Protein backbone atom coordinates (compact mmCIF):
# COMPACT_ATOMS: atom_id res chain seq x y z
CA MET A 1 15.17 -87.24 8.85
CA SER A 2 17.26 -88.04 11.92
CA ASP A 3 17.53 -91.38 13.67
CA LEU A 4 15.39 -89.98 16.46
CA ASP A 5 12.72 -88.87 13.98
CA ASP A 6 12.80 -92.34 12.38
CA LEU A 7 12.40 -93.99 15.79
CA ILE A 8 9.49 -91.73 16.68
CA ALA A 9 7.76 -92.47 13.36
CA GLU A 10 8.24 -96.21 13.83
CA MET A 11 6.95 -96.09 17.39
CA ARG A 12 3.93 -94.02 16.32
CA GLN A 13 3.05 -96.67 13.74
CA LYS A 14 3.36 -99.48 16.30
CA ARG A 15 1.31 -97.47 18.80
CA ASP A 16 -1.44 -96.91 16.24
CA GLU A 17 -1.51 -100.61 15.31
CA LEU A 18 -1.82 -101.59 18.96
CA ARG A 19 -4.58 -99.05 19.52
CA VAL A 20 -6.66 -100.81 16.86
CA LYS A 21 -6.23 -104.14 18.68
CA LEU A 22 -6.91 -102.68 22.11
CA HIS A 23 -10.69 -102.96 21.95
CA LEU A 24 -10.29 -106.76 22.07
CA ALA A 25 -8.11 -106.68 25.17
CA GLY A 26 -9.07 -107.09 28.82
CA LYS A 27 -8.83 -104.48 31.58
CA ASP A 28 -5.25 -105.40 32.56
CA ALA A 29 -4.14 -104.97 28.97
CA ARG A 30 -5.94 -101.62 28.75
CA ASP A 31 -4.26 -100.48 31.98
CA ASP A 32 -0.88 -101.51 30.55
CA TRP A 33 -1.76 -99.67 27.37
CA GLU A 34 -2.62 -96.46 29.21
CA GLN A 35 0.67 -96.61 31.09
CA ALA A 36 2.60 -97.23 27.86
CA VAL A 37 0.86 -94.29 26.15
CA SER A 38 1.71 -92.04 29.09
CA GLU A 39 5.36 -93.12 28.89
CA TRP A 40 5.27 -92.58 25.13
CA ASP A 41 4.01 -89.03 25.57
CA ARG A 42 6.83 -88.29 28.03
CA PHE A 43 9.37 -89.84 25.65
CA VAL A 44 8.24 -87.72 22.69
CA GLU A 45 8.19 -84.56 24.82
CA LYS A 46 11.70 -85.25 26.13
CA ALA A 47 12.98 -86.09 22.63
CA GLN A 48 11.60 -82.81 21.26
CA LEU A 49 13.12 -80.87 24.16
CA GLU A 50 16.50 -82.50 23.56
CA LYS A 51 16.25 -81.74 19.85
CA SER A 52 15.41 -78.11 20.66
CA ALA A 53 18.28 -77.95 23.16
CA ASP A 54 20.66 -79.27 20.50
CA GLU A 55 19.44 -76.63 18.07
CA VAL A 56 19.84 -73.88 20.68
CA GLY A 57 23.32 -75.17 21.49
CA GLU A 58 24.29 -75.08 17.83
CA ALA A 59 22.92 -71.55 17.46
CA ALA A 60 24.88 -70.44 20.54
CA ARG A 61 28.07 -71.99 19.15
CA ASN A 62 27.54 -70.21 15.82
CA LEU A 63 26.91 -66.92 17.61
CA GLY A 64 30.05 -67.43 19.69
CA LEU A 65 32.12 -68.00 16.56
CA LYS A 66 30.71 -64.88 14.92
CA LEU A 67 31.46 -62.83 18.05
CA LYS A 68 34.99 -64.22 18.20
CA GLU A 69 35.55 -63.25 14.56
CA ALA A 70 34.12 -59.77 15.19
CA PHE A 71 36.39 -59.27 18.23
CA GLU A 72 39.42 -60.42 16.24
CA ARG A 73 38.58 -58.03 13.39
CA ALA A 74 38.11 -55.18 15.88
CA ARG A 75 41.42 -55.97 17.57
CA LYS A 76 43.26 -56.05 14.23
CA SER A 77 41.80 -52.70 13.18
CA ASP A 78 43.41 -50.92 16.19
């Protein structure tokens, strides 16, 4: 599990603990909670996009290396 995955898991746990306590809070606290949850959702979405982008980047690098090797083999066979 990556550091980002660990952070997300930890934050999910804290979020869930706070959700349980929320029913005792006043309106201002609930408003703050809703804003925090919205920010959390954006954070997780962005983190997943960045993780996907990293994976795509790695796949592109691997493909580039394979193409380079193929071109070198083709050049040597001439």
